[in-house]
Amino acid sequence: NILSADGMTEPDVLAINAASASIATSDIPWNGPIAAVRIGSIDGQFIVNPNRQQIQKSDLNLVVSVNSKGHLVMIDAAANRLSDEKFFSALQYSVECCLPIIEQIKNLSSKTKRTNIELQKLDNSLIEKLTTLSYDRLFKIFTDSTLDKIARDTALTLVRQ
């Protein structure tokens, strides 16, 4: 749940960046940081992190997250008659926009003093048992296109029990 938002800007991109910064400054080991941006396109011009009014006018609503190597981690897009060339340009531009955010997160992280916790290795026999008990059932749930979100959640709850 969102505790506060200005109502003009979609909070999802900010939440991704805030979560990345938070984990980067914690003692949790991970393969981050990542950064995210939203790219819109109005009159052929890209707009970084457009507000809600701009999104409504935009031919593109692209949310991209990128890792520190500039590799795409996540893409979520809606477009209205956008050429492949323009879409790929938007992807490239989003990567360029994410890299400075990653550098700022790294800078913030370097200023914190912490020691990453060591994770315990799971017993291989436990992993094998869990795989035997649940893999086929989970595969069936996630590949069944007839299930909507509620039905899928119900099926997953049954697997957990």
N, C-alpha and C. Protein backbone atom coordinates (compact mmCIF):
# COMPACT_ATOMS: atom_id res chain seq x y z
N ASN A 1 0.83 -1.18 0.00
CA ASN A 1 0.00 0.00 0.00
C ASN A 1 0.87 1.25 0.00
N ILE A 2 0.42 2.22 -0.70
CA ILE A 2 1.16 3.48 -0.79
C ILE A 2 0.75 4.37 0.37
N LEU A 3 1.74 4.89 1.08
CA LEU A 3 1.45 5.77 2.20
C LEU A 3 1.21 7.21 1.76
N SER A 4 1.86 7.61 0.67
CA SER A 4 1.70 8.99 0.22
C SER A 4 2.04 9.07 -1.26
N ALA A 5 1.26 9.85 -2.00
CA ALA A 5 1.54 10.08 -3.41
C ALA A 5 0.95 11.43 -3.79
N ASP A 6 1.54 12.08 -4.79
CA ASP A 6 1.07 13.42 -5.16
C ASP A 6 -0.16 13.40 -6.05
N GLY A 7 -0.55 12.24 -6.56
CA GLY A 7 -1.73 12.15 -7.40
C GLY A 7 -1.47 12.50 -8.86
N MET A 8 -0.35 13.11 -9.15
CA MET A 8 -0.02 13.50 -10.52
C MET A 8 0.93 12.50 -11.18
N THR A 9 1.72 11.83 -10.38
CA THR A 9 2.75 10.94 -10.90
C THR A 9 2.46 9.52 -10.46
N GLU A 10 2.64 8.57 -11.38
CA GLU A 10 2.50 7.17 -11.02
C GLU A 10 3.64 6.80 -10.05
N PRO A 11 3.34 6.16 -8.94
CA PRO A 11 4.36 5.90 -7.93
C PRO A 11 5.19 4.64 -8.16
N ASP A 12 4.86 3.83 -9.17
CA ASP A 12 5.52 2.55 -9.32
C ASP A 12 7.02 2.65 -9.59
N VAL A 13 7.42 3.56 -10.46
CA VAL A 13 8.84 3.71 -10.79
C VAL A 13 9.62 4.19 -9.57
N LEU A 14 9.07 5.15 -8.86
CA LEU A 14 9.71 5.64 -7.64
C LEU A 14 9.84 4.52 -6.62
N ALA A 15 8.82 3.68 -6.52
CA ALA A 15 8.85 2.57 -5.57
C ALA A 15 9.95 1.57 -5.92
N ILE A 16 10.12 1.29 -7.20
CA ILE A 16 11.19 0.38 -7.62
C ILE A 16 12.55 0.95 -7.24
N ASN A 17 12.76 2.22 -7.54
CA ASN A 17 14.05 2.85 -7.24
C ASN A 17 14.28 2.95 -5.73
N ALA A 18 13.24 3.26 -4.98
CA ALA A 18 13.37 3.35 -3.52
C ALA A 18 13.68 1.98 -2.93
N ALA A 19 13.01 0.94 -3.42
CA ALA A 19 13.28 -0.41 -2.93
C ALA A 19 14.72 -0.82 -3.25
N SER A 20 15.18 -0.50 -4.45
CA SER A 20 16.55 -0.82 -4.83
C SER A 20 17.55 -0.11 -3.92
N ALA A 21 17.32 1.17 -3.66
CA ALA A 21 18.22 1.92 -2.78
C ALA A 21 18.18 1.37 -1.36
N SER A 22 17.01 1.00 -0.92
CA SER A 22 16.86 0.46 0.43
C SER A 22 17.63 -0.85 0.59
N ILE A 23 17.47 -1.75 -0.37
CA ILE A 23 18.18 -3.03 -0.29
C ILE A 23 19.69 -2.81 -0.44
N ALA A 24 20.07 -1.88 -1.31
CA ALA A 24 21.50 -1.61 -1.53
C ALA A 24 22.18 -1.10 -0.28
N THR A 25 21.45 -0.43 0.59
CA THR A 25 22.04 0.10 1.82
C THR A 25 21.82 -0.82 3.01
N SER A 26 21.21 -1.98 2.77
CA SER A 26 20.97 -2.93 3.86
C SER A 26 22.07 -3.98 3.89
N ASP A 27 21.92 -4.94 4.80
CA ASP A 27 22.89 -6.03 4.88
C ASP A 27 22.43 -7.26 4.11
N ILE A 28 21.43 -7.09 3.28
CA ILE A 28 20.89 -8.21 2.50
C ILE A 28 21.76 -8.40 1.25
N PRO A 29 22.31 -9.60 1.05
CA PRO A 29 23.08 -9.83 -0.17
C PRO A 29 22.14 -9.96 -1.38
N TRP A 30 22.51 -9.30 -2.46
CA TRP A 30 21.70 -9.41 -3.68
C TRP A 30 22.53 -8.99 -4.87
N ASN A 31 21.96 -9.09 -6.04
CA ASN A 31 22.67 -8.79 -7.28
C ASN A 31 22.29 -7.43 -7.83
N GLY A 32 22.07 -6.46 -6.97
CA GLY A 32 21.63 -5.13 -7.40
C GLY A 32 22.77 -4.15 -7.37
N PRO A 33 22.48 -2.90 -7.57
CA PRO A 33 21.15 -2.31 -7.63
C PRO A 33 20.54 -2.38 -9.02
N ILE A 34 19.25 -2.07 -9.06
CA ILE A 34 18.55 -1.86 -10.32
C ILE A 34 17.97 -0.45 -10.28
N ALA A 35 17.53 0.01 -11.42
CA ALA A 35 16.84 1.30 -11.51
C ALA A 35 15.73 1.17 -12.52
N ALA A 36 14.73 2.04 -12.40
CA ALA A 36 13.60 2.00 -13.33
C ALA A 36 13.23 3.40 -13.78
N VAL A 37 12.69 3.49 -14.97
CA VAL A 37 12.12 4.72 -15.50
C VAL A 37 10.87 4.38 -16.30
N ARG A 38 10.01 5.37 -16.43
CA ARG A 38 8.86 5.28 -17.34
C ARG A 38 9.17 6.21 -18.50
N ILE A 39 8.93 5.73 -19.71
CA ILE A 39 9.15 6.53 -20.91
C ILE A 39 7.81 6.69 -21.63
N GLY A 40 7.47 7.93 -21.92
CA GLY A 40 6.31 8.24 -22.74
C GLY A 40 6.77 8.82 -24.06
N SER A 41 5.86 8.94 -25.00
CA SER A 41 6.19 9.54 -26.30
C SER A 41 5.01 10.40 -26.75
N ILE A 42 5.26 11.70 -26.83
CA ILE A 42 4.24 12.65 -27.30
C ILE A 42 4.84 13.43 -28.46
N ASP A 43 4.13 13.44 -29.57
CA ASP A 43 4.58 14.15 -30.78
C ASP A 43 5.99 13.73 -31.19
N GLY A 44 6.28 12.43 -31.04
CA GLY A 44 7.56 11.90 -31.46
C GLY A 44 8.71 12.13 -30.51
N GLN A 45 8.46 12.78 -29.37
CA GLN A 45 9.51 13.07 -28.40
C GLN A 45 9.34 12.19 -27.16
N PHE A 46 10.44 11.62 -26.71
CA PHE A 46 10.40 10.81 -25.49
C PHE A 46 10.31 11.72 -24.27
N ILE A 47 9.54 11.28 -23.29
CA ILE A 47 9.40 11.99 -22.02
C ILE A 47 9.76 11.00 -20.92
N VAL A 48 10.69 11.39 -20.07
CA VAL A 48 11.10 10.53 -18.96
C VAL A 48 10.18 10.79 -17.78
N ASN A 49 9.65 9.72 -17.23
CA ASN A 49 8.75 9.77 -16.08
C ASN A 49 7.63 10.79 -16.26
N PRO A 50 6.82 10.59 -17.31
CA PRO A 50 5.72 11.53 -17.56
C PRO A 50 4.68 11.47 -16.44
N ASN A 51 3.96 12.58 -16.26
CA ASN A 51 2.89 12.58 -15.27
C ASN A 51 1.65 11.91 -15.88
N ARG A 52 0.60 11.78 -15.08
CA ARG A 52 -0.60 11.06 -15.54
C ARG A 52 -1.25 11.71 -16.76
N GLN A 53 -1.28 13.03 -16.81
CA GLN A 53 -1.86 13.71 -17.97
C GLN A 53 -1.05 13.43 -19.23
N GLN A 54 0.27 13.43 -19.10
CA GLN A 54 1.13 13.15 -20.24
C GLN A 54 0.98 11.70 -20.69
N ILE A 55 0.82 10.78 -19.74
CA ILE A 55 0.64 9.37 -20.09
C ILE A 55 -0.62 9.19 -20.93
N GLN A 56 -1.68 9.90 -20.59
CA GLN A 56 -2.93 9.79 -21.34
C GLN A 56 -2.77 10.27 -22.78
N LYS A 57 -1.90 11.23 -23.02
CA LYS A 57 -1.67 11.77 -24.37
C LYS A 57 -0.60 10.98 -25.13
N SER A 58 0.11 10.13 -24.42
CA SER A 58 1.29 9.47 -24.97
C SER A 58 0.93 8.27 -25.85
N ASP A 59 1.75 8.06 -26.89
CA ASP A 59 1.64 6.88 -27.73
C ASP A 59 2.35 5.68 -27.10
N LEU A 60 3.05 5.92 -26.01
CA LEU A 60 3.85 4.88 -25.37
C LEU A 60 3.80 5.04 -23.86
N ASN A 61 3.63 3.94 -23.18
CA ASN A 61 3.75 3.90 -21.73
C ASN A 61 4.67 2.72 -21.42
N LEU A 62 5.93 3.01 -21.29
CA LEU A 62 6.97 1.99 -21.15
C LEU A 62 7.64 2.12 -19.79
N VAL A 63 7.61 1.04 -19.01
CA VAL A 63 8.35 1.00 -17.75
C VAL A 63 9.44 -0.04 -17.91
N VAL A 64 10.65 0.37 -17.63
CA VAL A 64 11.82 -0.50 -17.80
C VAL A 64 12.65 -0.45 -16.54
N SER A 65 13.14 -1.62 -16.12
CA SER A 65 14.15 -1.63 -15.07
C SER A 65 15.41 -2.27 -15.64
N VAL A 66 16.54 -1.79 -15.15
CA VAL A 66 17.85 -2.13 -15.70
C VAL A 66 18.79 -2.44 -14.55
N ASN A 67 19.71 -3.39 -14.77
CA ASN A 67 20.72 -3.65 -13.74
C ASN A 67 21.96 -2.79 -13.97
N SER A 68 22.95 -2.95 -13.11
CA SER A 68 24.12 -2.08 -13.17
C SER A 68 24.98 -2.31 -14.41
N LYS A 69 24.76 -3.42 -15.12
CA LYS A 69 25.48 -3.67 -16.36
C LYS A 69 24.74 -3.11 -17.57
N GLY A 70 23.59 -2.48 -17.32
CA GLY A 70 22.80 -1.94 -18.42
C GLY A 70 21.93 -2.97 -19.10
N HIS A 71 21.76 -4.13 -18.45
CA HIS A 71 20.91 -5.18 -19.01
C HIS A 71 19.48 -4.99 -18.53
N LEU A 72 18.54 -5.25 -19.42
CA LEU A 72 17.13 -5.13 -19.08
C LEU A 72 16.74 -6.20 -18.07
N VAL A 73 16.05 -5.79 -17.03
CA VAL A 73 15.56 -6.71 -16.01
C VAL A 73 14.06 -6.91 -16.19
N MET A 74 13.34 -5.84 -16.51
CA MET A 74 11.90 -5.91 -16.66
C MET A 74 11.44 -4.89 -17.70
N ILE A 75 10.46 -5.30 -18.49
CA ILE A 75 9.83 -4.41 -19.46
C ILE A 75 8.33 -4.56 -19.31
N ASP A 76 7.64 -3.44 -19.19
CA ASP A 76 6.17 -3.42 -19.19
C ASP A 76 5.78 -2.29 -20.13
N ALA A 77 5.00 -2.60 -21.15
CA ALA A 77 4.72 -1.57 -22.15
C ALA A 77 3.30 -1.65 -22.69
N ALA A 78 2.79 -0.49 -23.01
CA ALA A 78 1.56 -0.35 -23.79
C ALA A 78 1.87 0.71 -24.84
N ALA A 79 1.48 0.43 -26.07
CA ALA A 79 1.80 1.37 -27.15
C ALA A 79 0.64 1.47 -28.12
N ASN A 80 0.57 2.61 -28.79
CA ASN A 80 -0.46 2.87 -29.77
C ASN A 80 0.20 3.14 -31.12
N ARG A 81 0.21 2.14 -31.98
CA ARG A 81 0.78 2.28 -33.33
C ARG A 81 2.20 2.83 -33.30
N LEU A 82 3.02 2.19 -32.55
CA LEU A 82 4.42 2.61 -32.44
C LEU A 82 5.28 1.66 -33.27
N SER A 83 6.15 2.18 -34.09
CA SER A 83 7.00 1.33 -34.93
C SER A 83 7.99 0.57 -34.06
N ASP A 84 8.46 -0.56 -34.60
CA ASP A 84 9.48 -1.33 -33.89
C ASP A 84 10.72 -0.48 -33.63
N GLU A 85 11.10 0.31 -34.63
CA GLU A 85 12.29 1.16 -34.50
C GLU A 85 12.13 2.15 -33.34
N LYS A 86 10.96 2.77 -33.25
CA LYS A 86 10.71 3.74 -32.17
C LYS A 86 10.70 3.04 -30.81
N PHE A 87 10.12 1.84 -30.77
CA PHE A 87 10.08 1.09 -29.52
C PHE A 87 11.49 0.74 -29.05
N PHE A 88 12.31 0.25 -29.97
CA PHE A 88 13.69 -0.10 -29.60
C PHE A 88 14.50 1.13 -29.21
N SER A 89 14.22 2.25 -29.84
CA SER A 89 14.87 3.51 -29.44
C SER A 89 14.47 3.88 -28.02
N ALA A 90 13.20 3.68 -27.70
CA ALA A 90 12.72 3.97 -26.34
C ALA A 90 13.38 3.05 -25.32
N LEU A 91 13.57 1.78 -25.68
CA LEU A 91 14.27 0.86 -24.78
C LEU A 91 15.70 1.33 -24.53
N GLN A 92 16.39 1.69 -25.61
CA GLN A 92 17.77 2.16 -25.48
C GLN A 92 17.83 3.43 -24.63
N TYR A 93 16.91 4.34 -24.86
CA TYR A 93 16.86 5.58 -24.09
C TYR A 93 16.58 5.30 -22.62
N SER A 94 15.72 4.34 -22.35
CA SER A 94 15.40 4.01 -20.96
C SER A 94 16.64 3.48 -20.23
N VAL A 95 17.44 2.68 -20.93
CA VAL A 95 18.67 2.19 -20.31
C VAL A 95 19.60 3.36 -19.99
N GLU A 96 19.74 4.29 -20.93
CA GLU A 96 20.59 5.47 -20.70
C GLU A 96 20.09 6.28 -19.51
N CYS A 97 18.78 6.35 -19.32
CA CYS A 97 18.21 7.12 -18.21
C CYS A 97 18.37 6.40 -16.88
N CYS A 98 18.41 5.08 -16.91
CA CYS A 98 18.52 4.30 -15.67
C CYS A 98 19.93 4.30 -15.09
N LEU A 99 20.93 4.32 -15.94
CA LEU A 99 22.31 4.19 -15.46
C LEU A 99 22.72 5.27 -14.46
N PRO A 100 22.37 6.55 -14.65
CA PRO A 100 22.71 7.55 -13.63
C PRO A 100 22.01 7.29 -12.28
N ILE A 101 20.81 6.74 -12.33
CA ILE A 101 20.11 6.41 -11.09
C ILE A 101 20.87 5.31 -10.36
N ILE A 102 21.32 4.31 -11.10
CA ILE A 102 22.11 3.23 -10.50
C ILE A 102 23.38 3.78 -9.87
N GLU A 103 24.03 4.70 -10.55
CA GLU A 103 25.25 5.31 -9.99
C GLU A 103 24.95 6.04 -8.69
N GLN A 104 23.83 6.73 -8.62
CA GLN A 104 23.46 7.42 -7.37
C GLN A 104 23.16 6.42 -6.26
N ILE A 105 22.52 5.31 -6.60
CA ILE A 105 22.25 4.29 -5.59
C ILE A 105 23.56 3.67 -5.10
N LYS A 106 24.48 3.41 -6.02
CA LYS A 106 25.80 2.89 -5.63
C LYS A 106 26.52 3.88 -4.72
N ASN A 107 26.45 5.16 -5.06
CA ASN A 107 27.07 6.20 -4.25
C ASN A 107 26.48 6.22 -2.84
N LEU A 108 25.17 6.16 -2.76
CA LEU A 108 24.50 6.11 -1.46
C LEU A 108 24.92 4.87 -0.68
N SER A 109 24.96 3.74 -1.36
CA SER A 109 25.34 2.48 -0.72
C SER A 109 26.77 2.52 -0.19
N SER A 110 27.66 3.17 -0.92
CA SER A 110 29.07 3.23 -0.50
C SER A 110 29.25 4.04 0.78
N LYS A 111 28.27 4.88 1.10
CA LYS A 111 28.36 5.71 2.30
C LYS A 111 27.81 5.02 3.55
N THR A 112 27.27 3.83 3.38
CA THR A 112 26.74 3.10 4.54
C THR A 112 27.74 2.03 4.95
N LYS A 113 27.86 1.83 6.25
CA LYS A 113 28.77 0.81 6.76
C LYS A 113 27.93 -0.40 7.16
N ARG A 114 28.18 -1.49 6.48
CA ARG A 114 27.42 -2.69 6.76
C ARG A 114 28.22 -3.91 6.35
N THR A 115 27.87 -5.02 6.91
CA THR A 115 28.44 -6.30 6.52
C THR A 115 27.27 -7.17 6.08
N ASN A 116 27.34 -7.66 4.86
CA ASN A 116 26.24 -8.49 4.37
C ASN A 116 26.11 -9.75 5.20
N ILE A 117 24.87 -10.10 5.50
CA ILE A 117 24.62 -11.33 6.23
C ILE A 117 24.92 -12.51 5.32
N GLU A 118 25.26 -13.63 5.93
CA GLU A 118 25.51 -14.84 5.16
C GLU A 118 24.26 -15.68 5.19
N LEU A 119 23.83 -16.09 4.03
CA LEU A 119 22.64 -16.93 3.94
C LEU A 119 23.02 -18.38 4.16
N GLN A 120 22.16 -19.09 4.86
CA GLN A 120 22.39 -20.51 5.08
C GLN A 120 22.02 -21.27 3.81
N LYS A 121 22.83 -22.26 3.49
CA LYS A 121 22.52 -23.10 2.34
C LYS A 121 21.42 -24.07 2.72
N LEU A 122 20.48 -24.25 1.81
CA LEU A 122 19.40 -25.19 2.05
C LEU A 122 19.89 -26.61 1.81
N ASP A 123 19.34 -27.51 2.58
CA ASP A 123 19.65 -28.93 2.44
C ASP A 123 19.10 -29.41 1.09
N ASN A 124 19.95 -30.04 0.28
CA ASN A 124 19.53 -30.50 -1.04
C ASN A 124 18.37 -31.49 -0.96
N SER A 125 18.34 -32.31 0.08
CA SER A 125 17.24 -33.27 0.19
C SER A 125 15.91 -32.54 0.40
N LEU A 126 15.93 -31.43 1.12
CA LEU A 126 14.72 -30.64 1.32
C LEU A 126 14.25 -30.03 -0.01
N ILE A 127 15.19 -29.52 -0.78
CA ILE A 127 14.85 -28.95 -2.08
C ILE A 127 14.25 -30.03 -2.98
N GLU A 128 14.85 -31.23 -2.97
CA GLU A 128 14.33 -32.33 -3.79
C GLU A 128 12.92 -32.71 -3.36
N LYS A 129 12.67 -32.76 -2.05
CA LYS A 129 11.33 -33.12 -1.55
C LYS A 129 10.31 -32.07 -1.97
N LEU A 130 10.66 -30.79 -1.81
CA LEU A 130 9.75 -29.72 -2.20
C LEU A 130 9.47 -29.75 -3.71
N THR A 131 10.49 -30.03 -4.48
CA THR A 131 10.32 -30.12 -5.93
C THR A 131 9.40 -31.27 -6.29
N THR A 132 9.62 -32.42 -5.67
CA THR A 132 8.78 -33.59 -5.92
C THR A 132 7.33 -33.32 -5.55
N LEU A 133 7.12 -32.66 -4.42
CA LEU A 133 5.76 -32.40 -3.95
C LEU A 133 5.03 -31.33 -4.75
N SER A 134 5.75 -30.34 -5.27
CA SER A 134 5.03 -29.19 -5.80
C SER A 134 5.30 -28.81 -7.25
N TYR A 135 6.38 -29.26 -7.85
CA TYR A 135 6.74 -28.77 -9.18
C TYR A 135 5.64 -28.97 -10.20
N ASP A 136 5.15 -30.21 -10.33
CA ASP A 136 4.14 -30.49 -11.35
C ASP A 136 2.87 -29.69 -11.11
N ARG A 137 2.46 -29.58 -9.86
CA ARG A 137 1.24 -28.83 -9.54
C ARG A 137 1.42 -27.34 -9.86
N LEU A 138 2.58 -26.79 -9.50
CA LEU A 138 2.84 -25.37 -9.79
C LEU A 138 2.94 -25.12 -11.29
N PHE A 139 3.60 -26.02 -11.99
CA PHE A 139 3.73 -25.87 -13.44
C PHE A 139 2.35 -25.84 -14.09
N LYS A 140 1.47 -26.74 -13.66
CA LYS A 140 0.11 -26.79 -14.21
C LYS A 140 -0.64 -25.48 -13.93
N ILE A 141 -0.50 -24.95 -12.73
CA ILE A 141 -1.19 -23.70 -12.37
C ILE A 141 -0.69 -22.54 -13.23
N PHE A 142 0.61 -22.41 -13.35
CA PHE A 142 1.17 -21.25 -14.06
C PHE A 142 1.09 -21.34 -15.58
N THR A 143 0.78 -22.53 -16.10
CA THR A 143 0.64 -22.66 -17.55
C THR A 143 -0.81 -22.80 -17.99
N ASP A 144 -1.74 -22.79 -17.04
CA ASP A 144 -3.16 -22.90 -17.36
C ASP A 144 -3.73 -21.51 -17.68
N SER A 145 -3.92 -21.25 -18.96
CA SER A 145 -4.39 -19.93 -19.38
C SER A 145 -5.85 -19.68 -19.04
N THR A 146 -6.57 -20.70 -18.59
CA THR A 146 -7.98 -20.50 -18.23
C THR A 146 -8.14 -19.92 -16.83
N LEU A 147 -7.07 -19.94 -16.04
CA LEU A 147 -7.15 -19.42 -14.67
C LEU A 147 -6.98 -17.91 -14.66
N ASP A 148 -7.89 -17.23 -13.99
CA ASP A 148 -7.70 -15.80 -13.77
C ASP A 148 -6.90 -15.62 -12.47
N LYS A 149 -6.64 -14.39 -12.07
CA LYS A 149 -5.80 -14.13 -10.90
C LYS A 149 -6.38 -14.77 -9.64
N ILE A 150 -7.67 -14.65 -9.43
CA ILE A 150 -8.28 -15.19 -8.21
C ILE A 150 -8.21 -16.71 -8.20
N ALA A 151 -8.52 -17.34 -9.33
CA ALA A 151 -8.45 -18.80 -9.42
C ALA A 151 -7.02 -19.29 -9.23
N ARG A 152 -6.06 -18.57 -9.80
CA ARG A 152 -4.66 -18.96 -9.65
C ARG A 152 -4.23 -18.83 -8.19
N ASP A 153 -4.62 -17.75 -7.53
CA ASP A 153 -4.29 -17.57 -6.11
C ASP A 153 -4.91 -18.67 -5.26
N THR A 154 -6.13 -19.06 -5.58
CA THR A 154 -6.80 -20.13 -4.85
C THR A 154 -6.05 -21.44 -5.04
N ALA A 155 -5.67 -21.74 -6.27
CA ALA A 155 -4.92 -22.96 -6.55
C ALA A 155 -3.56 -22.96 -5.85
N LEU A 156 -2.90 -21.82 -5.80
CA LEU A 156 -1.61 -21.72 -5.11
C LEU A 156 -1.77 -21.93 -3.60
N THR A 157 -2.85 -21.43 -3.05
CA THR A 157 -3.12 -21.63 -1.62
C THR A 157 -3.28 -23.11 -1.32
N LEU A 158 -3.94 -23.84 -2.19
CA LEU A 158 -4.10 -25.29 -2.00
C LEU A 158 -2.76 -26.01 -2.05
N VAL A 159 -1.87 -25.57 -2.92
CA VAL A 159 -0.53 -26.19 -2.98
C VAL A 159 0.23 -25.93 -1.69
N ARG A 160 0.11 -24.71 -1.15
CA ARG A 160 0.82 -24.37 0.09
C ARG A 160 0.35 -25.22 1.27
N GLN A 161 -0.94 -25.57 1.26
CA GLN A 161 -1.49 -26.35 2.37
C GLN A 161 -1.01 -27.77 2.28
